[in-house]
Amino acid sequence: MKKSVLTIMLLAIAVIAMADNRAMSLKNLVGDKEVSGNYLDLNMNTMLVDQCHGGEMLLLYQQRNSEAMLYSSVEQGFRWKKDNRGGIFQVTRMGLLNTNNTDRNVKGNTGFFATLDDLMGNHVWTRNILPAYVDDSANVVLGYRARWNSFDGDVQFHSKNVMYAYRLSDGKELWQDTITHYTRWGWNNVMYLPETGYYLVWTDQLMLIDPQGGVVKRVTVNTGRYGVPVGVSRKDHSTDHGNDADYAFTPYVDRGYWTGIKSNVIFMDGQIFLADGEDLYCMDEDLNVLWFSQLPKDKTSAMRIRIDGDRITLLSTGMAYLEGCAYEVGKPFVAQFDLTTGRPYFTKDIDVKGRIEDAYLGNGKAFYLTSNGLNEVNNFSDPLVTVYDKSVVGKVERLSNHTKYALDGDKMLTMACQDNNVLLVGKDGMSRLFDGNDNKVVKTVATSELYDKTADGVYTCMSRDKKGVITDEPSNLVITGQDGNVAAHFNTQFNGAFYNDGMLTVVMKSGIFSTRM
């Protein structure tokens, strides 16, 4: 043990010794002032991979040496560096996880999953699994056996959807169980239930999973169905969601099997609300059905649900997914139900003209993007459709499924589909925030100038080329204070940053800049 500690200390010293500490200044565009700080010059291409402990620990990767390094913003120095063996690192509160799948060949592949204790680089355990979910607060990591079998150009798991759970701290196997999925894939998403500590997983079944003990309960749901096979080459019916998508892509789907015929999940007052291809459900946190209401399954498609007072509103988008691409399936309709009993108030078809490309359910309104423009649906009990063409909303490419932000004076303006605001991504490179209450565009921003919120008070707008690839050109970094006002705006080259307890740390291509704001 002493030898291991000594080795780690020597590695840390070696990293720090090769780095050049010096003073550095960045120009704050707010007030046109210079902000001075410390710069740790690493003299090579460095990128931020992951962070934990509120940003106090940064996992860095240096491309030239294929090395990973753990940087502490509190200590303003490195804990260790090591060869990452071509795998992918992830920081947890208990250590470091590494997934190595570089040995894949035609006959099969064995990946390993290793954790390192105390964030110090000491190897603890290795298991032969393909990771699916890590929860360091529950001290558990879940994954499949990382062995593959090649057949007809496709791949198949030897484990037949058997999920394995290991204790993160020491690698002890906790349980194994079958995760049912028609497409032989484990799950699309996992939702944490804070009241019980269980996971809710929705695949071909709705499953309640105890991270320490395995599947507690299974409920059969209908999330897909067979339809008429459609060739993805039919461009008139395909939708290119791009990278800004949140769609139900499920790998290895048989031709003619529509997926994504389900809704979002709403948690409220210890109850779970969701809809599949046949019913709208209200369940308790143990998946006991409190009530259900039948849907017109010949019309169902991908759905959106929303709670409005004492009612729950359901919108059928008229879309589903085949091999990752969106197509028109079912019919667009809107329905409302009593929130307490599930008693239906009405189900109304929506008459939207043109090819349906996307849909969004707002507050008392719905919005459909079609080939004719943006369709606004009012008065759900007797739907009235108003179309806004390109003269009002521009030539729209898609609705954005992710929250973005824009500089608006000394504030950051939220650009998102929320309530009755709709974020429209245009084919002209501009994004427009459409106010569905005032029926007009209230903000227009170049899509390339939209910011992502990477942490509390940190907003980044990375410089990209015409293909959307991040470049080495200067990018924009905005820091906001507790009052929400913009405190600093830098235009500099960086690939990651965080702001914690007044300390700003910026990971640049060849080094690390830190300063106290």
Foldseek 3Di string as FASTA:
>chain_A
DVVVVVVQVVQQVVQQVQWDKDKDWFFFPVVRDIFIFIWTFQQAFKFWQEADPQRQWTWMAGVVQCKIWIAGPVVRGTLHMDRLQCWHWYDDPAFIWTWDFPPADQAKTWIWIWGAGPNRRHTADIDGFDWDDDDVVLQKTKGHRRIWHDDPNDIAGPRQQKMWMARNNHRHTQDIDHQDAPQSDRFDDWDADVVVRWIFTDHQWTFTANNRHGTDDTHGFAFKAFADFDDCVPVQFWADPPPLDDADADPNDDGRIWGQQWEDWDDDPQWIWIGHLFWTFIAGPVRDTPEIDTDPSQATENKYWDDDPQKIKIWGQQWTDDNRIIGGGHFTWMWMAGNNHRHTPDIGGDDDDAGWHDKDDAHQWIWTQHQQAIWIWHDRVDTDIDHDGCVFQNAFRDWRPDWWWADDPQAIHIAHPYHQWTWTQHPVQKIFIARRVVGGTDDIDRVQRIWDDPHVQKTWRFDADPVRHGDQAWTWIWGADPVRTTPGIGTGGFNDWRADPQKIWTHHRRIITIDGD
